[in-house]
Structures are given as C-alpha cells and as structure tokens.
Amino acid sequence: MSDKDGGDLEVVYTTGMAYMTGDGRPLDYKEGLKYLQQAAEKGFVPAMRDLAVAYLNGLGTPPSAEKAYPLMK
C-alpha cells in the first residue's frame, strides 16, 4: 500500500466503504473495518473519520468512544 500520493490508500478506503455500505460488495462491517483500519493507520483522513463513526456506532465492533476519540483529533 503506497501512501506517497494517497492513490492506493484511496482504493483501500473505497473498498472498505463498499463493504460498510454494501455498495457493489456484500454488506460486511467486519471486513470493511479491516480496510478502514489499514488506511487510517497510514493517516488517510477520510478513513480515520469513518472508522471513528464505525467505532461510535458499533458497526462491526462493540461501540467504543475510547477508540473513536483519538481518530477525531
């Protein structure tokens, strides 16, 4: 995964969101979280935001404000 220009991270993020929304892929929050986490760990801001939302709402994981808060800073 290259973060030099953000292009590959955008593909990882988009794949994650496709799983999170069921858009073109089966709805699978746990699989979507894996992709969002990969992109968020590299600092891809949209992934950090949507991962925080998933943590707050318990999508594919137990709800956790403690996990969400650092992503929203």
PDB file of N, CA and C in Angstrom:
ATOM      1  N   MET A   1       0.852  -1.166   0.000  1.00  0.00           N
ATOM      2  CA  MET A   1       0.000   0.000   0.000  1.00  0.00           C
ATOM      3  C   MET A   1       0.897   1.229   0.000  1.00  0.00           C
ATOM      4  N   SER A   2       0.777   2.028  -1.014  1.00  0.00           N
ATOM      5  CA  SER A   2       1.606   3.226  -1.122  1.00  0.00           C
ATOM      6  C   SER A   2       0.846   4.430  -0.606  1.00  0.00           C
ATOM      7  N   ASP A   3       1.515   5.222   0.219  1.00  0.00           N
ATOM      8  CA  ASP A   3       0.866   6.455   0.672  1.00  0.00           C
ATOM      9  C   ASP A   3       1.592   7.669   0.112  1.00  0.00           C
ATOM     10  N   LYS A   4       2.464   7.450  -0.895  1.00  0.00           N
ATOM     11  CA  LYS A   4       3.227   8.541  -1.483  1.00  0.00           C
ATOM     12  C   LYS A   4       2.303   9.628  -2.027  1.00  0.00           C
ATOM     13  N   ASP A   5       1.306   9.233  -2.798  1.00  0.00           N
ATOM     14  CA  ASP A   5       0.373  10.221  -3.341  1.00  0.00           C
ATOM     15  C   ASP A   5      -1.045  10.008  -2.842  1.00  0.00           C
ATOM     16  N   GLY A   6      -1.250   9.029  -2.000  1.00  0.00           N
ATOM     17  CA  GLY A   6      -2.576   8.775  -1.447  1.00  0.00           C
ATOM     18  C   GLY A   6      -3.460   7.920  -2.333  1.00  0.00           C
ATOM     19  N   GLY A   7      -3.026   7.655  -3.567  1.00  0.00           N
ATOM     20  CA  GLY A   7      -3.863   6.915  -4.503  1.00  0.00           C
ATOM     21  C   GLY A   7      -4.220   5.526  -4.031  1.00  0.00           C
ATOM     22  N   ASP A   8      -3.232   4.756  -3.617  1.00  0.00           N
ATOM     23  CA  ASP A   8      -3.510   3.404  -3.160  1.00  0.00           C
ATOM     24  C   ASP A   8      -4.323   3.410  -1.870  1.00  0.00           C
ATOM     25  N   LEU A   9      -4.074   4.369  -1.018  1.00  0.00           N
ATOM     26  CA  LEU A   9      -4.852   4.471   0.216  1.00  0.00           C
ATOM     27  C   LEU A   9      -6.317   4.766  -0.088  1.00  0.00           C
ATOM     28  N   GLU A  10      -6.548   5.540  -1.123  1.00  0.00           N
ATOM     29  CA  GLU A  10      -7.923   5.831  -1.509  1.00  0.00           C
ATOM     30  C   GLU A  10      -8.636   4.565  -1.975  1.00  0.00           C
ATOM     31  N   VAL A  11      -7.930   3.690  -2.678  1.00  0.00           N
ATOM     32  CA  VAL A  11      -8.516   2.418  -3.119  1.00  0.00           C
ATOM     33  C   VAL A  11      -8.841   1.546  -1.905  1.00  0.00           C
ATOM     34  N   VAL A  12      -7.938   1.490  -0.950  1.00  0.00           N
ATOM     35  CA  VAL A  12      -8.183   0.713   0.271  1.00  0.00           C
ATOM     36  C   VAL A  12      -9.395   1.275   1.004  1.00  0.00           C
ATOM     37  N   TYR A  13      -9.440   2.591   1.148  1.00  0.00           N
ATOM     38  CA  TYR A  13     -10.567   3.252   1.814  1.00  0.00           C
ATOM     39  C   TYR A  13     -11.884   2.971   1.078  1.00  0.00           C
ATOM     40  N   THR A  14     -11.875   3.127  -0.240  1.00  0.00           N
ATOM     41  CA  THR A  14     -13.088   2.921  -1.034  1.00  0.00           C
ATOM     42  C   THR A  14     -13.572   1.477  -0.928  1.00  0.00           C
ATOM     43  N   THR A  15     -12.646   0.534  -0.906  1.00  0.00           N
ATOM     44  CA  THR A  15     -13.013  -0.872  -0.735  1.00  0.00           C
ATOM     45  C   THR A  15     -13.670  -1.074   0.630  1.00  0.00           C
ATOM     46  N   GLY A  16     -13.078  -0.491   1.655  1.00  0.00           N
ATOM     47  CA  GLY A  16     -13.655  -0.591   2.992  1.00  0.00           C
ATOM     48  C   GLY A  16     -15.060  -0.019   3.051  1.00  0.00           C
ATOM     49  N   MET A  17     -15.242   1.142   2.445  1.00  0.00           N
ATOM     50  CA  MET A  17     -16.566   1.764   2.470  1.00  0.00           C
ATOM     51  C   MET A  17     -17.580   0.969   1.653  1.00  0.00           C
ATOM     52  N   ALA A  18     -17.118   0.298   0.588  1.00  0.00           N
ATOM     53  CA  ALA A  18     -18.036  -0.554  -0.181  1.00  0.00           C
ATOM     54  C   ALA A  18     -18.573  -1.674   0.703  1.00  0.00           C
ATOM     55  N   TYR A  19     -17.704  -2.262   1.520  1.00  0.00           N
ATOM     56  CA  TYR A  19     -18.166  -3.288   2.465  1.00  0.00           C
ATOM     57  C   TYR A  19     -19.065  -2.679   3.546  1.00  0.00           C
ATOM     58  N   MET A  20     -18.742  -1.497   4.008  1.00  0.00           N
ATOM     59  CA  MET A  20     -19.519  -0.866   5.089  1.00  0.00           C
ATOM     60  C   MET A  20     -20.925  -0.480   4.632  1.00  0.00           C
ATOM     61  N   THR A  21     -21.078  -0.189   3.330  1.00  0.00           N
ATOM     62  CA  THR A  21     -22.372   0.257   2.816  1.00  0.00           C
ATOM     63  C   THR A  21     -23.086  -0.781   1.964  1.00  0.00           C
ATOM     64  N   GLY A  22     -22.367  -1.847   1.585  1.00  0.00           N
ATOM     65  CA  GLY A  22     -22.970  -2.847   0.703  1.00  0.00           C
ATOM     66  C   GLY A  22     -23.060  -2.373  -0.736  1.00  0.00           C
ATOM     67  N   ASP A  23     -22.256  -1.393  -1.092  1.00  0.00           N
ATOM     68  CA  ASP A  23     -22.263  -0.826  -2.440  1.00  0.00           C
ATOM     69  C   ASP A  23     -21.313  -1.616  -3.341  1.00  0.00           C
ATOM     70  N   GLY A  24     -21.859  -2.547  -4.114  1.00  0.00           N
ATOM     71  CA  GLY A  24     -21.063  -3.346  -5.027  1.00  0.00           C
ATOM     72  C   GLY A  24     -20.383  -4.538  -4.370  1.00  0.00           C
ATOM     73  N   ARG A  25     -20.542  -4.672  -3.085  1.00  0.00           N
ATOM     74  CA  ARG A  25     -19.987  -5.799  -2.328  1.00  0.00           C
ATOM     75  C   ARG A  25     -21.027  -6.190  -1.276  1.00  0.00           C
ATOM     76  N   PRO A  26     -20.904  -7.404  -0.748  1.00  0.00           N
ATOM     77  CA  PRO A  26     -21.829  -7.766   0.330  1.00  0.00           C
ATOM     78  C   PRO A  26     -21.602  -6.870   1.555  1.00  0.00           C
ATOM     79  N   LEU A  27     -22.671  -6.510   2.216  1.00  0.00           N
ATOM     80  CA  LEU A  27     -22.562  -5.720   3.443  1.00  0.00           C
ATOM     81  C   LEU A  27     -21.821  -6.546   4.490  1.00  0.00           C
ATOM     82  N   ASP A  28     -20.670  -6.050   4.928  1.00  0.00           N
ATOM     83  CA  ASP A  28     -19.835  -6.801   5.865  1.00  0.00           C
ATOM     84  C   ASP A  28     -19.013  -5.800   6.669  1.00  0.00           C
ATOM     85  N   TYR A  29     -19.546  -5.397   7.821  1.00  0.00           N
ATOM     86  CA  TYR A  29     -18.889  -4.378   8.632  1.00  0.00           C
ATOM     87  C   TYR A  29     -17.492  -4.807   9.089  1.00  0.00           C
ATOM     88  N   LYS A  30     -17.351  -6.055   9.478  1.00  0.00           N
ATOM     89  CA  LYS A  30     -16.032  -6.506   9.957  1.00  0.00           C
ATOM     90  C   LYS A  30     -14.985  -6.433   8.855  1.00  0.00           C
ATOM     91  N   GLU A  31     -15.342  -6.833   7.664  1.00  0.00           N
ATOM     92  CA  GLU A  31     -14.398  -6.760   6.546  1.00  0.00           C
ATOM     93  C   GLU A  31     -14.111  -5.290   6.201  1.00  0.00           C
ATOM     94  N   GLY A  32     -15.143  -4.471   6.223  1.00  0.00           N
ATOM     95  CA  GLY A  32     -14.954  -3.051   5.954  1.00  0.00           C
ATOM     96  C   GLY A  32     -14.023  -2.394   6.958  1.00  0.00           C
ATOM     97  N   LEU A  33     -14.160  -2.776   8.223  1.00  0.00           N
ATOM     98  CA  LEU A  33     -13.290  -2.218   9.261  1.00  0.00           C
ATOM     99  C   LEU A  33     -11.826  -2.531   8.984  1.00  0.00           C
ATOM    100  N   LYS A  34     -11.544  -3.722   8.487  1.00  0.00           N
ATOM    101  CA  LYS A  34     -10.153  -4.089   8.197  1.00  0.00           C
ATOM    102  C   LYS A  34      -9.527  -3.109   7.211  1.00  0.00           C
ATOM    103  N   TYR A  35     -10.266  -2.782   6.167  1.00  0.00           N
ATOM    104  CA  TYR A  35      -9.751  -1.855   5.156  1.00  0.00           C
ATOM    105  C   TYR A  35      -9.651  -0.432   5.704  1.00  0.00           C
ATOM    106  N   LEU A  36     -10.665  -0.007   6.431  1.00  0.00           N
ATOM    107  CA  LEU A  36     -10.620   1.341   7.003  1.00  0.00           C
ATOM    108  C   LEU A  36      -9.453   1.477   7.971  1.00  0.00           C
ATOM    109  N   GLN A  37      -9.211   0.438   8.762  1.00  0.00           N
ATOM    110  CA  GLN A  37      -8.087   0.481   9.710  1.00  0.00           C
ATOM    111  C   GLN A  37      -6.757   0.585   8.981  1.00  0.00           C
ATOM    112  N   GLN A  38      -6.606  -0.145   7.883  1.00  0.00           N
ATOM    113  CA  GLN A  38      -5.358  -0.078   7.116  1.00  0.00           C
ATOM    114  C   GLN A  38      -5.097   1.341   6.620  1.00  0.00           C
ATOM    115  N   ALA A  39      -6.110   1.963   6.049  1.00  0.00           N
ATOM    116  CA  ALA A  39      -5.940   3.314   5.519  1.00  0.00           C
ATOM    117  C   ALA A  39      -5.780   4.332   6.649  1.00  0.00           C
ATOM    118  N   ALA A  40      -6.522   4.155   7.733  1.00  0.00           N
ATOM    119  CA  ALA A  40      -6.431   5.089   8.868  1.00  0.00           C
ATOM    120  C   ALA A  40      -5.056   5.037   9.512  1.00  0.00           C
ATOM    121  N   GLU A  41      -4.474   3.863   9.609  1.00  0.00           N
ATOM    122  CA  GLU A  41      -3.143   3.724  10.208  1.00  0.00           C
ATOM    123  C   GLU A  41      -2.083   4.487   9.418  1.00  0.00           C
ATOM    124  N   LYS A  42      -2.339   4.701   8.133  1.00  0.00           N
ATOM    125  CA  LYS A  42      -1.405   5.455   7.286  1.00  0.00           C
ATOM    126  C   LYS A  42      -1.759   6.948   7.247  1.00  0.00           C
ATOM    127  N   GLY A  43      -2.764   7.341   8.050  1.00  0.00           N
ATOM    128  CA  GLY A  43      -3.118   8.754   8.153  1.00  0.00           C
ATOM    129  C   GLY A  43      -4.096   9.254   7.109  1.00  0.00           C
ATOM    130  N   PHE A  44      -4.807   8.354   6.430  1.00  0.00           N
ATOM    131  CA  PHE A  44      -5.790   8.778   5.423  1.00  0.00           C
ATOM    132  C   PHE A  44      -7.024   9.303   6.154  1.00  0.00           C
ATOM    133  N   VAL A  45      -7.205  10.613   6.127  1.00  0.00           N
ATOM    134  CA  VAL A  45      -8.201  11.295   6.961  1.00  0.00           C
ATOM    135  C   VAL A  45      -9.627  10.783   6.751  1.00  0.00           C
ATOM    136  N   PRO A  46     -10.109  10.588   5.521  1.00  0.00           N
ATOM    137  CA  PRO A  46     -11.477  10.071   5.383  1.00  0.00           C
ATOM    138  C   PRO A  46     -11.664   8.715   6.073  1.00  0.00           C
ATOM    139  N   ALA A  47     -10.647   7.872   6.024  1.00  0.00           N
ATOM    140  CA  ALA A  47     -10.735   6.567   6.693  1.00  0.00           C
ATOM    141  C   ALA A  47     -10.760   6.746   8.204  1.00  0.00           C
ATOM    142  N   MET A  48      -9.978   7.687   8.700  1.00  0.00           N
ATOM    143  CA  MET A  48      -9.964   7.950  10.143  1.00  0.00           C
ATOM    144  C   MET A  48     -11.349   8.402  10.605  1.00  0.00           C
ATOM    145  N   ARG A  49     -11.967   9.293   9.833  1.00  0.00           N
ATOM    146  CA  ARG A  49     -13.302   9.796  10.177  1.00  0.00           C
ATOM    147  C   ARG A  49     -14.327   8.668  10.187  1.00  0.00           C
ATOM    148  N   ASP A  50     -14.359   7.868   9.112  1.00  0.00           N
ATOM    149  CA  ASP A  50     -15.376   6.821   9.011  1.00  0.00           C
ATOM    150  C   ASP A  50     -15.113   5.671   9.971  1.00  0.00           C
ATOM    151  N   LEU A  51     -13.865   5.422  10.287  1.00  0.00           N
ATOM    152  CA  LEU A  51     -13.544   4.423  11.296  1.00  0.00           C
ATOM    153  C   LEU A  51     -14.042   4.890  12.663  1.00  0.00           C
ATOM    154  N   ALA A  52     -13.864   6.168  12.954  1.00  0.00           N
ATOM    155  CA  ALA A  52     -14.368   6.723  14.218  1.00  0.00           C
ATOM    156  C   ALA A  52     -15.884   6.574  14.307  1.00  0.00           C
ATOM    157  N   VAL A  53     -16.566   6.843  13.217  1.00  0.00           N
ATOM    158  CA  VAL A  53     -18.031   6.704  13.188  1.00  0.00           C
ATOM    159  C   VAL A  53     -18.422   5.245  13.422  1.00  0.00           C
ATOM    160  N   ALA A  54     -17.694   4.334  12.798  1.00  0.00           N
ATOM    161  CA  ALA A  54     -17.982   2.903  12.986  1.00  0.00           C
ATOM    162  C   ALA A  54     -17.790   2.503  14.449  1.00  0.00           C
ATOM    163  N   TYR A  55     -16.708   2.997  15.052  1.00  0.00           N
ATOM    164  CA  TYR A  55     -16.475   2.700  16.471  1.00  0.00           C
ATOM    165  C   TYR A  55     -17.582   3.284  17.346  1.00  0.00           C
ATOM    166  N   LEU A  56     -17.983   4.502  17.083  1.00  0.00           N
ATOM    167  CA  LEU A  56     -19.029   5.145  17.897  1.00  0.00           C
ATOM    168  C   LEU A  56     -20.363   4.412  17.790  1.00  0.00           C
ATOM    169  N   ASN A  57     -20.672   3.924  16.587  1.00  0.00           N
ATOM    170  CA  ASN A  57     -21.964   3.286  16.348  1.00  0.00           C
ATOM    171  C   ASN A  57     -21.939   1.767  16.492  1.00  0.00           C
ATOM    172  N   GLY A  58     -20.778   1.207  16.767  1.00  0.00           N
ATOM    173  CA  GLY A  58     -20.687  -0.242  16.944  1.00  0.00           C
ATOM    174  C   GLY A  58     -20.918  -1.020  15.672  1.00  0.00           C
ATOM    175  N   LEU A  59     -20.385  -0.534  14.565  1.00  0.00           N
ATOM    176  CA  LEU A  59     -20.540  -1.229  13.289  1.00  0.00           C
ATOM    177  C   LEU A  59     -19.378  -2.193  13.099  1.00  0.00           C
ATOM    178  N   GLY A  60     -19.633  -3.472  13.293  1.00  0.00           N
ATOM    179  CA  GLY A  60     -18.604  -4.487  13.146  1.00  0.00           C
ATOM    180  C   GLY A  60     -17.713  -4.649  14.358  1.00  0.00           C
ATOM    181  N   THR A  61     -18.017  -3.923  15.398  1.00  0.00           N
ATOM    182  CA  THR A  61     -17.221  -3.930  16.622  1.00  0.00           C
ATOM    183  C   THR A  61     -18.098  -3.404  17.751  1.00  0.00           C
ATOM    184  N   PRO A  62     -17.814  -3.755  18.981  1.00  0.00           N
ATOM    185  CA  PRO A  62     -18.591  -3.142  20.067  1.00  0.00           C
ATOM    186  C   PRO A  62     -18.386  -1.622  20.074  1.00  0.00           C
ATOM    187  N   PRO A  63     -19.429  -0.841  20.383  1.00  0.00           N
ATOM    188  CA  PRO A  63     -19.271   0.612  20.426  1.00  0.00           C
ATOM    189  C   PRO A  63     -18.141   1.012  21.373  1.00  0.00           C
ATOM    190  N   SER A  64     -17.333   1.979  20.944  1.00  0.00           N
ATOM    191  CA  SER A  64     -16.208   2.400  21.767  1.00  0.00           C
ATOM    192  C   SER A  64     -15.828   3.844  21.480  1.00  0.00           C
ATOM    193  N   ALA A  65     -16.232   4.731  22.375  1.00  0.00           N
ATOM    194  CA  ALA A  65     -15.807   6.131  22.262  1.00  0.00           C
ATOM    195  C   ALA A  65     -14.310   6.240  22.497  1.00  0.00           C
ATOM    196  N   GLU A  66     -13.760   5.345  23.292  1.00  0.00           N
ATOM    197  CA  GLU A  66     -12.318   5.379  23.588  1.00  0.00           C
ATOM    198  C   GLU A  66     -11.494   5.141  22.319  1.00  0.00           C
ATOM    199  N   LYS A  67     -11.961   4.254  21.440  1.00  0.00           N
ATOM    200  CA  LYS A  67     -11.256   4.017  20.172  1.00  0.00           C
ATOM    201  C   LYS A  67     -11.539   5.142  19.167  1.00  0.00           C
ATOM    202  N   ALA A  68     -12.732   5.687  19.211  1.00  0.00           N
ATOM    203  CA  ALA A  68     -13.123   6.712  18.242  1.00  0.00           C
ATOM    204  C   ALA A  68     -12.450   8.045  18.509  1.00  0.00           C
ATOM    205  N   TYR A  69     -12.339   8.436  19.759  1.00  0.00           N
ATOM    206  CA  TYR A  69     -11.869   9.781  20.109  1.00  0.00           C
ATOM    207  C   TYR A  69     -10.502  10.129  19.510  1.00  0.00           C
ATOM    208  N   PRO A  70      -9.491   9.268  19.612  1.00  0.00           N
ATOM    209  CA  PRO A  70      -8.180   9.632  19.047  1.00  0.00           C
ATOM    210  C   PRO A  70      -8.217   9.850  17.524  1.00  0.00           C
ATOM    211  N   LEU A  71      -9.139   9.197  16.856  1.00  0.00           N
ATOM    212  CA  LEU A  71      -9.249   9.354  15.402  1.00  0.00           C
ATOM    213  C   LEU A  71      -9.878  10.673  15.016  1.00  0.00           C
ATOM    214  N   MET A  72     -10.579  11.298  15.940  1.00  0.00           N
ATOM    215  CA  MET A  72     -11.280  12.554  15.658  1.00  0.00           C
ATOM    216  C   MET A  72     -10.457  13.785  16.002  1.00  0.00           C
ATOM    217  N   LYS A  73      -9.278  13.608  16.568  1.00  0.00           N
ATOM    218  CA  LYS A  73      -8.444  14.756  16.936  1.00  0.00           C
ATOM    219  C   LYS A  73      -7.860  15.433  15.725  1.00  0.00           C
TER     220      LYS A  73
END
